[in-house]
Amino acid sequence: MAESFRNAPTTNGSKGVVIPDDWPGYPLELFTYPEHYARDLDSVYVPHGVIMDRTERLARNIMDDLGDRDIVVLCVLKGGYQFCADLVEHIKVLSRNSSRSLLMRVDFIRLKSYLNDQSTEDLQILGAESLSVLSGKNVLIVEAIVDTGKTMKTLLSHVRVFRPNMIRVAGLLVKRLPNASGCLPDYVGFEIPNRFVVGYALDYNEYFRDLNHICVISESGKLKYKV
């Protein structure tokens, strides 16, 4: 029995749940998912229930650090909308059932830097003109995935222009890359290998956002939805 869990994910402090390079994920037939993606996925990498449990733990960590403050949650669209919604909901539940509370308002910004499965140098920031509301505020940026860290560094530079009182970053996924900038979130859900994953609002050319689980896209799936 121990042998079957040899390559299972582990935990490592601020890195969150560390998924090793040789983690194959779970067979698709063990889970439910939209039938129209039956040939487009290799495996279920992080099941929805595991995502939700880890998100609840991150909400508790955020409450421990930031409880009794007023914060602005800055959700990075489009991929971050599901993680942000679930994280905010967990924080709301904790605030209702604790002597500490966290007053939140939620704003949105959209970043676009991917074409097919490759990150491009052309980073588009939509909604940047509204960031003046962050002046003097405690800001929690919520992002679904951080890979090289370049996009996050650029966003942080934009946010700092408006002189917030404090900035924290919550990232559901952080990719383990040799060329990463070292710009890590303060709160990390999972550290993953360099695999292209979809689902839980993460997309490939706008497809797969309707998956509950985080899955590895297959090569045939990449070809099918390539632009």
Protein backbone atom coordinates (compact mmCIF):
# COMPACT_ATOMS: atom_id res chain seq x y z
CA MET A 1 0.00 0.00 0.00
CA ALA A 2 2.81 2.45 0.85
CA GLU A 3 4.35 1.89 -2.58
CA SER A 4 1.24 3.24 -4.35
CA PHE A 5 1.61 6.58 -2.55
CA ARG A 6 5.35 6.94 -3.16
CA ASN A 7 4.88 9.79 -5.65
CA ALA A 8 1.99 11.47 -3.86
CA PRO A 9 1.99 15.25 -3.20
CA THR A 10 3.54 16.49 0.04
CA THR A 11 3.47 19.75 2.00
CA ASN A 12 6.27 22.27 2.34
CA GLY A 13 5.41 25.39 4.34
CA SER A 14 4.90 28.48 2.19
CA LYS A 15 5.08 26.44 -1.02
CA GLY A 16 1.78 24.83 -0.14
CA VAL A 17 1.10 21.31 -1.36
CA VAL A 18 4.11 20.30 -3.44
CA ILE A 19 3.25 18.04 -6.36
CA PRO A 20 6.38 16.18 -7.55
CA ASP A 21 7.58 16.10 -11.16
CA ASP A 22 6.63 12.44 -11.61
CA TRP A 23 3.09 12.80 -10.25
CA PRO A 24 0.87 11.28 -12.99
CA GLY A 25 -2.44 12.53 -11.64
CA TYR A 26 -5.54 10.39 -11.25
CA PRO A 27 -7.17 8.32 -14.01
CA LEU A 28 -10.06 10.17 -15.63
CA GLU A 29 -12.46 7.26 -15.11
CA LEU A 30 -12.36 7.81 -11.34
CA PHE A 31 -14.10 11.19 -11.67
CA THR A 32 -16.99 12.88 -13.43
CA TYR A 33 -16.33 15.58 -16.01
CA PRO A 34 -18.06 16.96 -19.13
CA GLU A 35 -18.30 14.26 -21.78
CA HIS A 36 -17.31 16.70 -24.52
CA TYR A 37 -13.77 16.72 -23.09
CA ALA A 38 -13.44 12.91 -22.99
CA ARG A 39 -10.52 12.78 -25.45
CA ASP A 40 -9.00 16.12 -24.55
CA LEU A 41 -7.55 15.32 -21.11
CA ASP A 42 -4.73 13.09 -19.85
CA SER A 43 -5.56 12.98 -16.13
CA VAL A 44 -7.18 14.70 -13.18
CA TYR A 45 -4.27 16.50 -11.57
CA VAL A 46 -6.00 18.11 -8.57
CA PRO A 47 -9.57 16.95 -7.78
CA HIS A 48 -12.18 19.58 -7.00
CA GLY A 49 -12.62 18.45 -3.41
CA VAL A 50 -8.89 18.80 -2.73
CA ILE A 51 -8.96 22.31 -4.23
CA MET A 52 -11.81 23.30 -1.95
CA ASP A 53 -10.15 21.91 1.19
CA ARG A 54 -6.87 23.65 0.39
CA THR A 55 -8.71 26.91 -0.35
CA GLU A 56 -10.41 26.73 3.05
CA ARG A 57 -6.99 26.35 4.69
CA LEU A 58 -5.69 29.40 2.79
CA ALA A 59 -8.74 31.36 3.96
CA ARG A 60 -7.87 30.47 7.55
CA ASN A 61 -4.26 31.58 7.02
CA ILE A 62 -5.45 34.88 5.56
CA MET A 63 -7.83 35.40 8.49
CA ASP A 64 -4.99 34.73 10.95
CA ASP A 65 -2.79 37.32 9.22
CA LEU A 66 -5.28 39.98 8.16
CA GLY A 67 -8.27 39.55 10.47
CA ASP A 68 -9.86 42.78 11.78
CA ARG A 69 -8.61 44.78 8.78
CA ASP A 70 -10.46 46.22 5.81
CA ILE A 71 -9.13 44.78 2.56
CA VAL A 72 -9.69 45.09 -1.16
CA VAL A 73 -9.62 41.73 -2.91
CA LEU A 74 -8.29 42.23 -6.44
CA CYS A 75 -9.35 39.25 -8.54
CA VAL A 76 -7.24 38.57 -11.62
CA LEU A 77 -9.53 37.52 -14.47
CA LYS A 78 -10.38 35.39 -16.20
CA GLY A 79 -8.67 32.36 -14.71
CA GLY A 80 -8.88 33.53 -11.12
CA TYR A 81 -12.63 34.03 -10.86
CA GLN A 82 -13.49 30.59 -9.45
CA PHE A 83 -10.62 30.51 -6.96
CA CYS A 84 -11.43 34.05 -5.85
CA ALA A 85 -15.14 33.31 -5.42
CA ASP A 86 -14.45 30.21 -3.32
CA LEU A 87 -11.71 31.90 -1.28
CA VAL A 88 -13.94 34.89 -0.51
CA GLU A 89 -16.81 32.57 0.44
CA HIS A 90 -14.58 30.66 2.89
CA ILE A 91 -13.39 33.95 4.42
CA LYS A 92 -17.00 35.10 4.79
CA VAL A 93 -17.92 31.89 6.63
CA LEU A 94 -14.93 32.25 8.94
CA SER A 95 -15.82 35.90 9.63
CA ARG A 96 -19.38 34.93 10.58
CA ASN A 97 -18.19 32.24 12.99
CA SER A 98 -15.23 33.97 14.63
CA SER A 99 -14.53 36.82 17.02
CA ARG A 100 -12.39 38.30 14.24
CA SER A 101 -13.78 39.61 10.99
CA LEU A 102 -12.42 40.70 7.64
CA LEU A 103 -14.33 43.45 5.86
CA MET A 104 -13.86 42.94 2.12
CA ARG A 105 -14.68 44.63 -1.12
CA VAL A 106 -13.89 42.89 -4.40
CA ASP A 107 -12.54 44.50 -7.56
CA PHE A 108 -11.45 42.91 -10.82
CA ILE A 109 -8.62 43.21 -13.31
CA ARG A 110 -8.02 41.15 -16.42
CA LEU A 111 -4.61 39.97 -17.62
CA LYS A 112 -4.00 38.27 -20.95
CA SER A 113 -0.58 36.87 -21.89
CA TYR A 114 -1.17 33.35 -23.29
CA LEU A 115 -1.59 32.17 -26.87
CA ASN A 116 -2.32 28.44 -27.05
CA ASP A 117 -0.04 26.94 -24.35
CA GLN A 118 2.72 29.59 -24.53
CA SER A 119 3.12 32.74 -22.49
CA THR A 120 3.81 35.78 -24.66
CA GLU A 121 5.64 39.03 -23.99
CA ASP A 122 2.50 40.97 -24.92
CA LEU A 123 0.80 41.40 -21.55
CA GLN A 124 -2.56 43.12 -21.70
CA ILE A 125 -3.94 44.67 -18.51
CA LEU A 126 -7.63 45.49 -18.77
CA GLY A 127 -9.19 47.53 -15.98
CA ALA A 128 -5.92 49.13 -14.85
CA GLU A 129 -7.53 52.57 -15.01
CA SER A 130 -9.76 51.65 -12.04
CA LEU A 131 -6.88 50.82 -9.69
CA SER A 132 -6.96 54.28 -8.12
CA VAL A 133 -9.42 52.78 -5.59
CA LEU A 134 -6.47 50.88 -4.11
CA SER A 135 -4.79 54.02 -2.81
CA GLY A 136 -4.13 53.66 0.93
CA LYS A 137 -5.91 50.28 1.04
CA ASN A 138 -4.86 46.80 2.17
CA VAL A 139 -4.87 44.77 -1.04
CA LEU A 140 -5.12 41.00 -1.50
CA ILE A 141 -4.41 40.01 -5.12
CA VAL A 142 -6.00 36.67 -6.00
CA GLU A 143 -4.47 34.84 -8.98
CA ALA A 144 -5.13 31.32 -10.25
CA ILE A 145 -1.64 30.46 -11.48
CA VAL A 146 1.87 31.90 -11.35
CA ASP A 147 4.43 30.43 -13.74
CA THR A 148 7.53 32.52 -14.59
CA GLY A 149 6.35 35.26 -12.24
CA LYS A 150 6.88 37.97 -14.87
CA THR A 151 3.17 38.69 -15.17
CA MET A 152 2.81 38.98 -11.40
CA LYS A 153 5.83 41.31 -11.17
CA THR A 154 4.30 43.55 -13.83
CA LEU A 155 0.96 43.61 -12.04
CA LEU A 156 2.58 44.38 -8.70
CA SER A 157 4.42 47.30 -10.30
CA HIS A 158 1.13 48.67 -11.60
CA VAL A 159 -0.58 48.27 -8.24
CA ARG A 160 2.26 49.93 -6.31
CA VAL A 161 1.89 53.08 -8.42
CA PHE A 162 -1.38 53.72 -6.57
CA ARG A 163 0.33 53.49 -3.17
CA PRO A 164 -1.71 50.88 -1.33
CA ASN A 165 -1.05 50.47 2.37
CA MET A 166 -0.22 46.76 2.00
CA ILE A 167 -0.16 44.12 -0.74
CA ARG A 168 -0.53 40.38 -0.28
CA VAL A 169 -0.91 37.77 -3.02
CA ALA A 170 -2.83 34.49 -2.93
CA GLY A 171 -2.05 32.06 -5.75
CA LEU A 172 -3.80 28.74 -6.19
CA LEU A 173 -1.04 27.24 -8.35
CA VAL A 174 2.66 28.04 -8.67
CA LYS A 175 4.63 26.32 -11.43
CA ARG A 176 8.09 25.02 -10.64
CA LEU A 177 10.22 26.49 -13.43
CA PRO A 178 14.00 26.98 -13.77
CA ASN A 179 13.51 30.50 -15.16
CA ALA A 180 11.04 31.66 -12.52
CA SER A 181 11.56 35.20 -11.25
CA GLY A 182 11.22 34.23 -7.60
CA CYS A 183 8.07 36.36 -7.29
CA LEU A 184 6.06 33.93 -5.16
CA PRO A 185 2.61 34.54 -3.66
CA ASP A 186 2.30 34.97 0.09
CA TYR A 187 -0.35 32.25 0.15
CA VAL A 188 0.17 29.24 -2.13
CA GLY A 189 -2.30 26.45 -2.76
CA PHE A 190 -0.22 23.99 -4.78
CA GLU A 191 3.27 23.99 -6.27
CA ILE A 192 3.13 22.01 -9.51
CA PRO A 193 5.58 20.86 -12.21
CA ASN A 194 5.68 22.53 -15.61
CA ARG A 195 2.50 20.90 -16.93
CA PHE A 196 -0.18 22.79 -18.84
CA VAL A 197 -3.29 22.42 -16.71
CA VAL A 198 -6.88 23.42 -17.33
CA GLY A 199 -10.13 23.48 -15.41
CA TYR A 200 -11.44 25.28 -12.33
CA ALA A 201 -11.66 28.37 -14.60
CA LEU A 202 -8.19 27.85 -16.11
CA ASP A 203 -8.49 27.74 -19.88
CA TYR A 204 -6.85 26.78 -23.13
CA ASN A 205 -8.02 29.37 -25.67
CA GLU A 206 -11.19 29.92 -23.59
CA TYR A 207 -12.09 26.21 -23.37
CA PHE A 208 -12.08 24.00 -20.25
CA ARG A 209 -13.23 26.70 -17.82
CA ASP A 210 -16.30 24.52 -17.18
CA LEU A 211 -14.26 21.70 -15.60
CA ASN A 212 -14.53 21.38 -11.81
CA HIS A 213 -11.19 19.59 -11.46
CA ILE A 214 -7.74 20.82 -12.46
CA CYS A 215 -6.66 18.49 -15.27
CA VAL A 216 -3.73 17.98 -17.62
CA ILE A 217 -4.71 18.71 -21.21
CA SER A 218 -3.79 16.06 -23.78
CA GLU A 219 -1.82 16.72 -26.96
CA SER A 220 -4.94 15.95 -29.00
CA GLY A 221 -6.82 18.50 -26.89
CA LYS A 222 -4.22 21.16 -27.66
CA LEU A 223 -4.53 20.46 -31.37
CA LYS A 224 -8.32 20.44 -31.27
CA TYR A 225 -8.63 23.87 -29.66
CA LYS A 226 -5.52 25.54 -31.11
CA VAL A 227 -5.95 28.98 -32.71
